[in-house]
Amino acid sequence: MKQLFKIITLAIIFGALAGALSAFVVLNFQTPSQEDLIEDFYLTENAVHISPHGIRKAMDKEYNDFILVDLRSQQEYEDEHIIGAVNIPAYKDPDTSAYEDVERIVNSFRELKSQNPDKDIIVYCYSIPCMTGRKVGSMLVENDIYVKHLGIGWNEWRYSWTSWNHPHEWNITKVEDYISTGAEPGAPKVKENSIACPIDNEFGC
């Protein structure tokens, strides 16, 4: 009788372990469906990327709920930058990255966030395909700092104004109004009659 009891007890224990292991495998190693991947992609895109139209509208309307951060070198920033942006360089000069300078970069963003706890921090680098913003964003996530990403880079903002603005805006806006030079961020000009991103619901900019 004791022997039978031991066998039953062992069977129950091993059965429970097998069930737990199976559940772990299913939950952790199940290949996501195509629909899961698409859903994750769009949730991520909407959480991370910020429309340049929305930023231009915010500048025109003098909204103050975000901070733009230019990741290019100090030299490039002082030559020209998006007006209102501050500089936390991820480059020592135009040809030399500073990715290894993790402590400085992380501490700069931490200080910026602590001074502006209710504002979104939005980074931009050289161009849409540039990986600088993505690499810095990953570095910051590892330190519990979360930033968003401007949907275009400096090159598109400065040199391809008509490629991302609507055609009916080409003749009534000029990029020079949204560019600043020197070590200071500069301040955008308020445009009371701005038509940038007129839709104010979830499908707007």
N, C-alpha and C. Protein backbone atom coordinates (compact mmCIF):
# COMPACT_ATOMS: atom_id res chain seq x y z
N MET A 1 0.83 -1.20 0.00
CA MET A 1 0.00 0.00 0.00
C MET A 1 0.87 1.27 0.00
N LYS A 2 1.91 1.24 0.83
CA LYS A 2 2.82 2.38 0.88
C LYS A 2 3.51 2.58 -0.46
N GLN A 3 3.88 1.46 -1.08
CA GLN A 3 4.53 1.53 -2.38
C GLN A 3 3.60 2.16 -3.42
N LEU A 4 2.34 1.80 -3.40
CA LEU A 4 1.36 2.35 -4.33
C LEU A 4 1.18 3.85 -4.10
N PHE A 5 1.15 4.24 -2.82
CA PHE A 5 0.99 5.64 -2.46
C PHE A 5 2.18 6.47 -2.99
N LYS A 6 3.40 5.91 -2.86
CA LYS A 6 4.59 6.60 -3.36
C LYS A 6 4.51 6.77 -4.88
N ILE A 7 4.07 5.71 -5.54
CA ILE A 7 3.98 5.76 -7.01
C ILE A 7 2.98 6.82 -7.44
N ILE A 8 1.84 6.85 -6.77
CA ILE A 8 0.81 7.85 -7.11
C ILE A 8 1.32 9.26 -6.84
N THR A 9 1.99 9.44 -5.68
CA THR A 9 2.53 10.76 -5.32
C THR A 9 3.55 11.23 -6.34
N LEU A 10 4.47 10.32 -6.73
CA LEU A 10 5.48 10.68 -7.73
C LEU A 10 4.84 11.00 -9.07
N ALA A 11 3.82 10.25 -9.43
CA ALA A 11 3.12 10.50 -10.69
C ALA A 11 2.49 11.89 -10.69
N ILE A 12 1.89 12.27 -9.56
CA ILE A 12 1.27 13.60 -9.45
C ILE A 12 2.33 14.69 -9.57
N ILE A 13 3.46 14.51 -8.86
CA ILE A 13 4.53 15.52 -8.89
C ILE A 13 5.10 15.67 -10.30
N PHE A 14 5.42 14.54 -10.92
CA PHE A 14 5.98 14.61 -12.28
C PHE A 14 4.96 15.16 -13.28
N GLY A 15 3.70 14.82 -13.07
CA GLY A 15 2.65 15.36 -13.95
C GLY A 15 2.56 16.87 -13.83
N ALA A 16 2.62 17.36 -12.58
CA ALA A 16 2.57 18.81 -12.36
C ALA A 16 3.77 19.51 -12.98
N LEU A 17 4.96 18.90 -12.79
CA LEU A 17 6.17 19.49 -13.38
C LEU A 17 6.10 19.52 -14.90
N ALA A 18 5.62 18.43 -15.48
CA ALA A 18 5.50 18.36 -16.93
C ALA A 18 4.52 19.40 -17.45
N GLY A 19 3.42 19.57 -16.73
CA GLY A 19 2.43 20.58 -17.12
C GLY A 19 3.00 21.98 -17.05
N ALA A 20 3.72 22.26 -15.97
CA ALA A 20 4.31 23.58 -15.81
C ALA A 20 5.35 23.86 -16.89
N LEU A 21 6.16 22.84 -17.20
CA LEU A 21 7.18 23.00 -18.24
C LEU A 21 6.53 23.23 -19.60
N SER A 22 5.47 22.49 -19.89
CA SER A 22 4.76 22.67 -21.16
C SER A 22 4.19 24.07 -21.28
N ALA A 23 3.58 24.55 -20.20
CA ALA A 23 3.01 25.90 -20.21
C ALA A 23 4.09 26.95 -20.43
N PHE A 24 5.26 26.75 -19.78
CA PHE A 24 6.37 27.69 -19.94
C PHE A 24 6.83 27.74 -21.38
N VAL A 25 6.96 26.57 -21.99
CA VAL A 25 7.42 26.49 -23.38
C VAL A 25 6.42 27.17 -24.31
N VAL A 26 5.15 26.89 -24.11
CA VAL A 26 4.11 27.47 -24.97
C VAL A 26 4.09 29.00 -24.85
N LEU A 27 4.16 29.49 -23.61
CA LEU A 27 4.06 30.93 -23.37
C LEU A 27 5.29 31.69 -23.81
N ASN A 28 6.47 31.06 -23.72
CA ASN A 28 7.70 31.78 -23.97
C ASN A 28 8.33 31.52 -25.33
N PHE A 29 7.96 30.46 -25.97
CA PHE A 29 8.62 30.12 -27.23
C PHE A 29 7.65 29.98 -28.39
N GLN A 30 6.41 30.36 -28.16
CA GLN A 30 5.43 30.29 -29.23
C GLN A 30 5.75 31.36 -30.27
N THR A 31 5.82 30.99 -31.51
CA THR A 31 6.11 31.94 -32.59
C THR A 31 4.93 32.87 -32.77
N PRO A 32 5.16 34.20 -32.71
CA PRO A 32 4.04 35.13 -32.89
C PRO A 32 3.48 35.03 -34.30
N SER A 33 2.21 35.23 -34.44
CA SER A 33 1.57 35.19 -35.76
C SER A 33 1.92 36.46 -36.53
N GLN A 34 1.63 36.44 -37.82
CA GLN A 34 1.86 37.63 -38.64
C GLN A 34 1.03 38.80 -38.11
N GLU A 35 -0.19 38.50 -37.68
CA GLU A 35 -1.05 39.55 -37.14
C GLU A 35 -0.46 40.15 -35.86
N ASP A 36 0.13 39.30 -35.00
CA ASP A 36 0.77 39.78 -33.77
C ASP A 36 1.91 40.73 -34.11
N LEU A 37 2.71 40.35 -35.10
CA LEU A 37 3.86 41.17 -35.49
C LEU A 37 3.41 42.51 -36.06
N ILE A 38 2.36 42.50 -36.87
CA ILE A 38 1.84 43.74 -37.45
C ILE A 38 1.31 44.64 -36.35
N GLU A 39 0.56 44.06 -35.40
CA GLU A 39 0.03 44.85 -34.29
C GLU A 39 1.15 45.48 -33.48
N ASP A 40 2.18 44.70 -33.16
CA ASP A 40 3.32 45.22 -32.39
C ASP A 40 4.02 46.34 -33.15
N PHE A 41 4.16 46.18 -34.46
CA PHE A 41 4.82 47.19 -35.28
C PHE A 41 4.10 48.53 -35.19
N TYR A 42 2.78 48.51 -35.39
CA TYR A 42 2.04 49.77 -35.39
C TYR A 42 1.94 50.39 -34.00
N LEU A 43 1.83 49.57 -32.99
CA LEU A 43 1.82 50.10 -31.63
C LEU A 43 3.15 50.79 -31.31
N THR A 44 4.23 50.16 -31.74
CA THR A 44 5.56 50.72 -31.51
C THR A 44 5.76 52.01 -32.31
N GLU A 45 5.39 51.97 -33.59
CA GLU A 45 5.55 53.16 -34.43
C GLU A 45 4.81 54.36 -33.84
N ASN A 46 3.58 54.13 -33.41
CA ASN A 46 2.77 55.24 -32.88
C ASN A 46 3.27 55.71 -31.52
N ALA A 47 3.90 54.81 -30.77
CA ALA A 47 4.43 55.20 -29.46
C ALA A 47 5.73 55.97 -29.57
N VAL A 48 6.53 55.67 -30.60
CA VAL A 48 7.89 56.21 -30.68
C VAL A 48 8.02 57.39 -31.64
N HIS A 49 7.42 57.28 -32.82
CA HIS A 49 7.66 58.28 -33.85
C HIS A 49 6.74 59.49 -33.73
N ILE A 50 7.32 60.67 -33.92
CA ILE A 50 6.59 61.92 -33.84
C ILE A 50 6.60 62.59 -35.21
N SER A 51 5.44 63.01 -35.66
CA SER A 51 5.32 63.64 -36.97
C SER A 51 5.98 65.01 -37.00
N PRO A 52 6.77 65.30 -38.04
CA PRO A 52 7.32 66.65 -38.16
C PRO A 52 6.24 67.71 -38.35
N HIS A 53 5.10 67.31 -38.96
CA HIS A 53 3.99 68.26 -39.08
C HIS A 53 3.49 68.67 -37.71
N GLY A 54 3.36 67.69 -36.82
CA GLY A 54 2.91 68.00 -35.46
C GLY A 54 3.87 68.93 -34.75
N ILE A 55 5.16 68.73 -34.97
CA ILE A 55 6.17 69.60 -34.35
C ILE A 55 6.08 71.00 -34.92
N ARG A 56 5.93 71.11 -36.23
CA ARG A 56 5.81 72.44 -36.86
C ARG A 56 4.56 73.15 -36.35
N LYS A 57 3.47 72.42 -36.22
CA LYS A 57 2.25 73.02 -35.67
C LYS A 57 2.49 73.51 -34.24
N ALA A 58 3.16 72.67 -33.44
CA ALA A 58 3.44 73.06 -32.05
C ALA A 58 4.29 74.33 -32.00
N MET A 59 5.24 74.44 -32.92
CA MET A 59 6.06 75.66 -32.99
C MET A 59 5.20 76.87 -33.34
N ASP A 60 4.34 76.71 -34.35
CA ASP A 60 3.49 77.82 -34.79
C ASP A 60 2.54 78.28 -33.69
N LYS A 61 2.06 77.33 -32.90
CA LYS A 61 1.06 77.63 -31.87
C LYS A 61 1.69 77.88 -30.49
N GLU A 62 3.01 77.81 -30.43
CA GLU A 62 3.76 78.04 -29.19
C GLU A 62 3.41 77.01 -28.10
N TYR A 63 3.17 75.77 -28.52
CA TYR A 63 2.96 74.70 -27.55
C TYR A 63 4.30 74.41 -26.86
N ASN A 64 4.23 73.97 -25.63
CA ASN A 64 5.47 73.82 -24.85
C ASN A 64 5.50 72.49 -24.10
N ASP A 65 5.06 71.42 -24.77
CA ASP A 65 4.98 70.13 -24.09
C ASP A 65 6.02 69.13 -24.58
N PHE A 66 7.05 69.61 -25.24
CA PHE A 66 8.10 68.73 -25.76
C PHE A 66 9.43 69.47 -25.81
N ILE A 67 10.50 68.70 -25.89
CA ILE A 67 11.85 69.26 -26.10
C ILE A 67 12.51 68.46 -27.22
N LEU A 68 12.96 69.16 -28.24
CA LEU A 68 13.72 68.52 -29.31
C LEU A 68 15.19 68.45 -28.90
N VAL A 69 15.82 67.30 -29.20
CA VAL A 69 17.25 67.14 -28.92
C VAL A 69 17.97 66.77 -30.21
N ASP A 70 18.91 67.61 -30.60
CA ASP A 70 19.76 67.39 -31.77
C ASP A 70 20.95 66.55 -31.32
N LEU A 71 21.14 65.39 -31.95
CA LEU A 71 22.21 64.47 -31.56
C LEU A 71 23.48 64.66 -32.38
N ARG A 72 23.47 65.58 -33.31
CA ARG A 72 24.67 65.79 -34.13
C ARG A 72 25.76 66.49 -33.31
N SER A 73 26.90 66.62 -33.89
CA SER A 73 28.03 67.24 -33.18
C SER A 73 27.72 68.70 -32.83
N GLN A 74 28.43 69.22 -31.85
CA GLN A 74 28.26 70.62 -31.45
C GLN A 74 28.53 71.56 -32.62
N GLN A 75 29.54 71.23 -33.40
CA GLN A 75 29.89 72.05 -34.56
C GLN A 75 28.72 72.16 -35.53
N GLU A 76 28.13 71.01 -35.85
CA GLU A 76 27.01 71.01 -36.79
C GLU A 76 25.79 71.72 -36.20
N TYR A 77 25.55 71.48 -34.91
CA TYR A 77 24.43 72.14 -34.24
C TYR A 77 24.57 73.65 -34.30
N GLU A 78 25.76 74.17 -34.03
CA GLU A 78 25.95 75.62 -34.01
C GLU A 78 25.90 76.22 -35.40
N ASP A 79 26.24 75.42 -36.41
CA ASP A 79 26.11 75.91 -37.79
C ASP A 79 24.63 76.17 -38.10
N GLU A 80 23.79 75.18 -37.85
CA GLU A 80 22.34 75.30 -38.02
C GLU A 80 21.65 74.14 -37.29
N HIS A 81 20.47 74.41 -36.76
CA HIS A 81 19.69 73.34 -36.13
C HIS A 81 18.21 73.70 -36.20
N ILE A 82 17.35 72.71 -35.93
CA ILE A 82 15.92 72.99 -35.86
C ILE A 82 15.69 73.95 -34.70
N ILE A 83 14.97 75.00 -34.97
CA ILE A 83 14.79 76.04 -33.96
C ILE A 83 14.13 75.48 -32.69
N GLY A 84 14.68 75.86 -31.55
CA GLY A 84 14.17 75.39 -30.27
C GLY A 84 14.85 74.14 -29.75
N ALA A 85 15.62 73.45 -30.60
CA ALA A 85 16.27 72.21 -30.19
C ALA A 85 17.50 72.48 -29.32
N VAL A 86 17.74 71.61 -28.36
CA VAL A 86 18.98 71.65 -27.58
C VAL A 86 19.92 70.59 -28.14
N ASN A 87 21.17 70.66 -27.76
CA ASN A 87 22.18 69.76 -28.31
C ASN A 87 22.76 68.85 -27.24
N ILE A 88 22.58 67.54 -27.45
CA ILE A 88 23.31 66.54 -26.66
C ILE A 88 24.05 65.69 -27.70
N PRO A 89 25.30 66.04 -28.00
CA PRO A 89 25.98 65.42 -29.13
C PRO A 89 26.33 63.94 -28.92
N ALA A 90 26.03 63.18 -29.94
CA ALA A 90 26.48 61.79 -30.00
C ALA A 90 27.65 61.67 -30.96
N TYR A 91 28.15 62.85 -31.40
CA TYR A 91 29.32 62.92 -32.27
C TYR A 91 30.28 63.98 -31.72
N LYS A 92 31.57 63.66 -31.75
CA LYS A 92 32.60 64.62 -31.33
C LYS A 92 32.79 65.69 -32.39
N ASP A 93 32.74 65.28 -33.64
CA ASP A 93 32.79 66.16 -34.79
C ASP A 93 32.02 65.46 -35.90
N PRO A 94 31.84 66.08 -37.05
CA PRO A 94 31.00 65.46 -38.07
C PRO A 94 31.43 64.05 -38.51
N ASP A 95 32.68 63.71 -38.27
CA ASP A 95 33.18 62.41 -38.74
C ASP A 95 33.52 61.43 -37.62
N THR A 96 33.29 61.80 -36.36
CA THR A 96 33.72 60.96 -35.25
C THR A 96 32.59 60.78 -34.24
N SER A 97 32.14 59.54 -34.08
CA SER A 97 31.05 59.30 -33.14
C SER A 97 31.56 59.35 -31.70
N ALA A 98 30.63 59.55 -30.79
CA ALA A 98 30.96 59.57 -29.36
C ALA A 98 30.09 58.56 -28.61
N TYR A 99 29.76 57.47 -29.28
CA TYR A 99 28.88 56.46 -28.67
C TYR A 99 29.47 55.87 -27.39
N GLU A 100 30.80 55.88 -27.32
CA GLU A 100 31.43 55.29 -26.14
C GLU A 100 31.29 56.19 -24.91
N ASP A 101 30.87 57.42 -25.13
CA ASP A 101 30.75 58.39 -24.03
C ASP A 101 29.37 58.25 -23.37
N VAL A 102 29.08 57.03 -22.94
CA VAL A 102 27.76 56.69 -22.44
C VAL A 102 27.38 57.52 -21.21
N GLU A 103 28.30 57.66 -20.27
CA GLU A 103 27.97 58.35 -19.03
C GLU A 103 27.54 59.80 -19.28
N ARG A 104 28.28 60.50 -20.15
CA ARG A 104 27.92 61.88 -20.45
C ARG A 104 26.54 61.97 -21.10
N ILE A 105 26.32 61.11 -22.09
CA ILE A 105 25.05 61.15 -22.83
C ILE A 105 23.88 60.82 -21.90
N VAL A 106 24.02 59.74 -21.15
CA VAL A 106 22.93 59.33 -20.25
C VAL A 106 22.67 60.40 -19.20
N ASN A 107 23.71 60.93 -18.59
CA ASN A 107 23.54 61.95 -17.55
C ASN A 107 22.92 63.22 -18.11
N SER A 108 23.26 63.58 -19.34
CA SER A 108 22.68 64.77 -19.96
C SER A 108 21.18 64.60 -20.17
N PHE A 109 20.78 63.43 -20.64
CA PHE A 109 19.36 63.17 -20.82
C PHE A 109 18.63 63.06 -19.48
N ARG A 110 19.29 62.45 -18.52
CA ARG A 110 18.66 62.32 -17.19
C ARG A 110 18.40 63.71 -16.59
N GLU A 111 19.38 64.60 -16.72
CA GLU A 111 19.22 65.95 -16.19
C GLU A 111 18.12 66.70 -16.95
N LEU A 112 18.10 66.54 -18.27
CA LEU A 112 17.08 67.20 -19.07
C LEU A 112 15.68 66.74 -18.67
N LYS A 113 15.54 65.44 -18.45
CA LYS A 113 14.23 64.89 -18.07
C LYS A 113 13.85 65.33 -16.65
N SER A 114 14.81 65.37 -15.76
CA SER A 114 14.49 65.76 -14.38
C SER A 114 14.06 67.23 -14.32
N GLN A 115 14.59 68.05 -15.21
CA GLN A 115 14.21 69.46 -15.26
C GLN A 115 12.88 69.68 -15.99
N ASN A 116 12.48 68.67 -16.79
CA ASN A 116 11.26 68.79 -17.59
C ASN A 116 10.45 67.49 -17.50
N PRO A 117 10.00 67.12 -16.30
CA PRO A 117 9.39 65.80 -16.11
C PRO A 117 8.10 65.57 -16.89
N ASP A 118 7.40 66.63 -17.25
CA ASP A 118 6.11 66.48 -17.93
C ASP A 118 6.20 66.66 -19.45
N LYS A 119 7.42 66.80 -19.96
CA LYS A 119 7.58 67.02 -21.40
C LYS A 119 8.13 65.78 -22.09
N ASP A 120 7.65 65.54 -23.32
CA ASP A 120 8.24 64.50 -24.15
C ASP A 120 9.60 64.97 -24.64
N ILE A 121 10.57 64.09 -24.61
CA ILE A 121 11.88 64.38 -25.19
C ILE A 121 11.93 63.66 -26.53
N ILE A 122 12.20 64.43 -27.58
CA ILE A 122 12.17 63.91 -28.95
C ILE A 122 13.54 64.12 -29.58
N VAL A 123 14.16 63.06 -30.01
CA VAL A 123 15.50 63.16 -30.59
C VAL A 123 15.44 63.17 -32.12
N TYR A 124 16.45 63.79 -32.72
CA TYR A 124 16.63 63.67 -34.17
C TYR A 124 18.12 63.65 -34.46
N CYS A 125 18.46 63.03 -35.59
CA CYS A 125 19.87 62.99 -35.99
C CYS A 125 19.99 63.46 -37.44
N TYR A 126 20.75 62.76 -38.25
CA TYR A 126 21.07 63.28 -39.58
C TYR A 126 19.96 63.10 -40.61
N SER A 127 19.34 61.93 -40.62
CA SER A 127 18.37 61.64 -41.67
C SER A 127 17.45 60.51 -41.22
N ILE A 128 16.46 60.21 -42.03
CA ILE A 128 15.51 59.14 -41.69
C ILE A 128 16.23 57.81 -41.44
N PRO A 129 17.14 57.38 -42.33
CA PRO A 129 17.79 56.08 -42.08
C PRO A 129 18.92 56.09 -41.07
N CYS A 130 19.31 57.28 -40.59
CA CYS A 130 20.42 57.38 -39.63
C CYS A 130 20.11 56.56 -38.38
N MET A 131 21.07 55.80 -37.90
CA MET A 131 20.88 54.93 -36.74
C MET A 131 21.23 55.61 -35.42
N THR A 132 21.74 56.83 -35.47
CA THR A 132 22.18 57.49 -34.24
C THR A 132 21.07 57.59 -33.21
N GLY A 133 19.91 58.07 -33.62
CA GLY A 133 18.80 58.21 -32.69
C GLY A 133 18.37 56.88 -32.11
N ARG A 134 18.38 55.84 -32.93
CA ARG A 134 17.99 54.51 -32.47
C ARG A 134 18.99 53.97 -31.46
N LYS A 135 20.28 54.16 -31.74
CA LYS A 135 21.32 53.67 -30.83
C LYS A 135 21.30 54.42 -29.51
N VAL A 136 21.14 55.73 -29.57
CA VAL A 136 21.06 56.51 -28.34
C VAL A 136 19.80 56.15 -27.57
N GLY A 137 18.68 55.98 -28.29
CA GLY A 137 17.44 55.56 -27.63
C GLY A 137 17.59 54.25 -26.91
N SER A 138 18.28 53.30 -27.53
CA SER A 138 18.52 52.00 -26.90
C SER A 138 19.40 52.15 -25.67
N MET A 139 20.44 52.98 -25.78
CA MET A 139 21.32 53.26 -24.65
C MET A 139 20.54 53.84 -23.47
N LEU A 140 19.61 54.74 -23.78
CA LEU A 140 18.83 55.39 -22.72
C LEU A 140 17.84 54.42 -22.08
N VAL A 141 17.21 53.57 -22.88
CA VAL A 141 16.27 52.58 -22.34
C VAL A 141 16.95 51.70 -21.31
N GLU A 142 18.20 51.34 -21.56
CA GLU A 142 18.95 50.52 -20.60
C GLU A 142 19.16 51.24 -19.28
N ASN A 143 18.96 52.55 -19.28
CA ASN A 143 19.11 53.36 -18.07
C ASN A 143 17.77 53.96 -17.62
N ASP A 144 16.67 53.32 -18.07
CA ASP A 144 15.31 53.72 -17.67
C ASP A 144 14.98 55.15 -18.06
N ILE A 145 15.48 55.59 -19.21
CA ILE A 145 15.14 56.89 -19.76
C ILE A 145 14.50 56.63 -21.13
N TYR A 146 13.34 57.23 -21.36
CA TYR A 146 12.58 56.91 -22.57
C TYR A 146 12.35 58.17 -23.40
N VAL A 147 12.82 58.13 -24.64
CA VAL A 147 12.67 59.28 -25.54
C VAL A 147 11.91 58.85 -26.78
N LYS A 148 11.36 59.83 -27.46
CA LYS A 148 10.67 59.59 -28.73
C LYS A 148 11.59 60.02 -29.88
N HIS A 149 11.13 59.77 -31.09
CA HIS A 149 12.00 59.93 -32.26
C HIS A 149 11.27 60.75 -33.32
N LEU A 150 11.87 61.88 -33.74
CA LEU A 150 11.28 62.66 -34.81
C LEU A 150 11.25 61.82 -36.09
N GLY A 151 10.15 61.88 -36.81
CA GLY A 151 9.98 61.01 -37.98
C GLY A 151 10.91 61.30 -39.13
N ILE A 152 11.57 62.45 -39.11
CA ILE A 152 12.57 62.77 -40.13
C ILE A 152 13.83 63.25 -39.42
N GLY A 153 14.91 63.40 -40.20
CA GLY A 153 16.16 63.89 -39.63
C GLY A 153 16.44 65.31 -40.08
N TRP A 154 17.61 65.80 -39.69
CA TRP A 154 18.02 67.16 -40.04
C TRP A 154 18.01 67.39 -41.55
N ASN A 155 18.54 66.44 -42.31
CA ASN A 155 18.66 66.63 -43.76
C ASN A 155 17.30 66.84 -44.41
N GLU A 156 16.31 66.04 -43.99
CA GLU A 156 14.97 66.19 -44.56
C GLU A 156 14.33 67.51 -44.12
N TRP A 157 14.53 67.86 -42.85
CA TRP A 157 13.95 69.12 -42.35
C TRP A 157 14.55 70.32 -43.09
N ARG A 158 15.87 70.32 -43.24
CA ARG A 158 16.56 71.49 -43.79
C ARG A 158 16.53 71.53 -45.32
N TYR A 159 16.75 70.38 -45.96
CA TYR A 159 16.99 70.38 -47.39
C TYR A 159 15.87 69.76 -48.22
N SER A 160 14.88 69.16 -47.59
CA SER A 160 13.78 68.54 -48.34
C SER A 160 12.43 68.99 -47.78
N TRP A 161 12.31 70.28 -47.55
CA TRP A 161 11.12 70.85 -46.93
C TRP A 161 9.84 70.43 -47.64
N THR A 162 9.88 70.45 -48.97
CA THR A 162 8.66 70.12 -49.73
C THR A 162 8.37 68.62 -49.77
N SER A 163 9.33 67.80 -49.38
CA SER A 163 9.10 66.35 -49.44
C SER A 163 8.18 65.85 -48.33
N TRP A 164 8.05 66.61 -47.25
CA TRP A 164 7.20 66.15 -46.16
C TRP A 164 6.10 67.14 -45.77
N ASN A 165 6.15 68.35 -46.33
CA ASN A 165 5.05 69.29 -46.14
C ASN A 165 4.04 69.13 -47.27
N HIS A 166 2.81 69.48 -47.00
CA HIS A 166 1.76 69.34 -48.01
C HIS A 166 1.93 70.38 -49.12
N PRO A 167 1.60 70.02 -50.37
CA PRO A 167 1.81 70.95 -51.49
C PRO A 167 1.18 72.33 -51.28
N HIS A 168 0.00 72.38 -50.68
CA HIS A 168 -0.65 73.69 -50.51
C HIS A 168 0.09 74.57 -49.48
N GLU A 169 1.08 73.99 -48.79
CA GLU A 169 1.85 74.76 -47.81
C GLU A 169 3.20 75.23 -48.37
N TRP A 170 3.58 74.74 -49.54
CA TRP A 170 4.91 75.03 -50.06
C TRP A 170 5.17 76.52 -50.24
N ASN A 171 4.17 77.24 -50.69
CA ASN A 171 4.37 78.66 -50.99
C ASN A 171 4.08 79.58 -49.81
N ILE A 172 3.59 79.02 -48.72
CA ILE A 172 3.25 79.88 -47.58
C ILE A 172 4.11 79.58 -46.35
N THR A 173 5.02 78.63 -46.47
CA THR A 173 5.97 78.37 -45.38
C THR A 173 7.38 78.38 -45.97
N LYS A 174 8.33 78.69 -45.14
CA LYS A 174 9.72 78.60 -45.59
C LYS A 174 10.56 78.05 -44.45
N VAL A 175 11.46 77.17 -44.82
CA VAL A 175 12.26 76.44 -43.84
C VAL A 175 13.07 77.39 -42.96
N GLU A 176 13.47 78.51 -43.50
CA GLU A 176 14.30 79.46 -42.74
C GLU A 176 13.62 79.92 -41.45
N ASP A 177 12.29 79.89 -41.42
CA ASP A 177 11.57 80.28 -40.20
C ASP A 177 11.69 79.23 -39.10
N TYR A 178 12.17 78.05 -39.46
CA TYR A 178 12.22 76.94 -38.51
C TYR A 178 13.65 76.46 -38.29
N ILE A 179 14.60 77.35 -38.57
CA ILE A 179 16.03 77.05 -38.44
C ILE A 179 16.66 78.12 -37.54
N SER A 180 17.61 77.69 -36.70
CA SER A 180 18.35 78.64 -35.88
C SER A 180 19.84 78.34 -35.99
N THR A 181 20.66 79.31 -35.65
CA THR A 181 22.11 79.13 -35.66
C THR A 181 22.68 79.51 -34.29
N GLY A 182 23.91 79.06 -34.04
CA GLY A 182 24.58 79.40 -32.80
C GLY A 182 24.36 78.38 -31.70
N ALA A 183 24.88 78.70 -30.53
CA ALA A 183 24.87 77.76 -29.40
C ALA A 183 23.54 77.71 -28.67
N GLU A 184 22.67 78.71 -28.87
CA GLU A 184 21.39 78.75 -28.18
C GLU A 184 20.30 78.10 -29.03
N PRO A 185 19.28 77.52 -28.40
CA PRO A 185 18.22 76.85 -29.15
C PRO A 185 17.45 77.76 -30.09
N GLY A 186 17.20 79.00 -29.65
CA GLY A 186 16.34 79.87 -30.42
C GLY A 186 14.87 79.60 -30.11
N ALA A 187 14.01 80.48 -30.55
CA ALA A 187 12.58 80.35 -30.27
C ALA A 187 11.79 80.51 -31.56
N PRO A 188 10.86 79.60 -31.84
CA PRO A 188 10.03 79.72 -33.06
C PRO A 188 9.15 80.96 -33.02
N LYS A 189 8.82 81.46 -34.19
CA LYS A 189 7.89 82.58 -34.30
C LYS A 189 6.46 82.03 -34.25
N VAL A 190 5.64 82.67 -33.45
CA VAL A 190 4.23 82.25 -33.37
C VAL A 190 3.51 82.68 -34.65
N LYS A 191 2.74 81.76 -35.23
CA LYS A 191 1.98 82.03 -36.45
C LYS A 191 0.51 81.76 -36.15
N GLU A 192 -0.21 82.81 -35.84
CA GLU A 192 -1.61 82.67 -35.45
C GLU A 192 -2.45 82.02 -36.54
N ASN A 193 -2.12 82.27 -37.79
CA ASN A 193 -2.92 81.75 -38.90
C ASN A 193 -2.33 80.48 -39.51
N SER A 194 -1.52 79.78 -38.74
CA SER A 194 -0.90 78.56 -39.25
C SER A 194 -1.94 77.52 -39.64
N ILE A 195 -1.69 76.86 -40.78
CA ILE A 195 -2.59 75.78 -41.21
C ILE A 195 -1.89 74.42 -41.06
N ALA A 196 -0.80 74.40 -40.34
CA ALA A 196 -0.08 73.13 -40.14
C ALA A 196 -0.96 72.14 -39.38
N CYS A 197 -1.10 70.97 -39.90
CA CYS A 197 -1.79 69.87 -39.22
C CYS A 197 -3.13 70.34 -38.62
N PRO A 198 -4.11 70.70 -39.45
CA PRO A 198 -5.36 71.25 -38.93
C PRO A 198 -6.25 70.24 -38.22
N ILE A 199 -6.01 68.95 -38.41
CA ILE A 199 -6.85 67.91 -37.80
C ILE A 199 -6.42 67.70 -36.35
N ASP A 200 -7.36 67.83 -35.43
CA ASP A 200 -7.03 67.77 -34.01
C ASP A 200 -7.48 66.50 -33.32
N ASN A 201 -7.77 65.45 -34.08
CA ASN A 201 -8.15 64.20 -33.44
C ASN A 201 -7.03 63.17 -33.61
N GLU A 202 -7.31 61.92 -33.30
CA GLU A 202 -6.26 60.89 -33.29
C GLU A 202 -5.67 60.63 -34.69
N PHE A 203 -6.37 61.07 -35.73
CA PHE A 203 -5.85 60.87 -37.08
C PHE A 203 -5.09 62.08 -37.60
N GLY A 204 -4.91 63.08 -36.75
CA GLY A 204 -4.10 64.23 -37.12
C GLY A 204 -2.63 63.92 -36.92
N CYS A 205 -1.82 64.96 -37.04
CA CYS A 205 -0.38 64.80 -36.93
C CYS A 205 0.04 64.46 -35.51
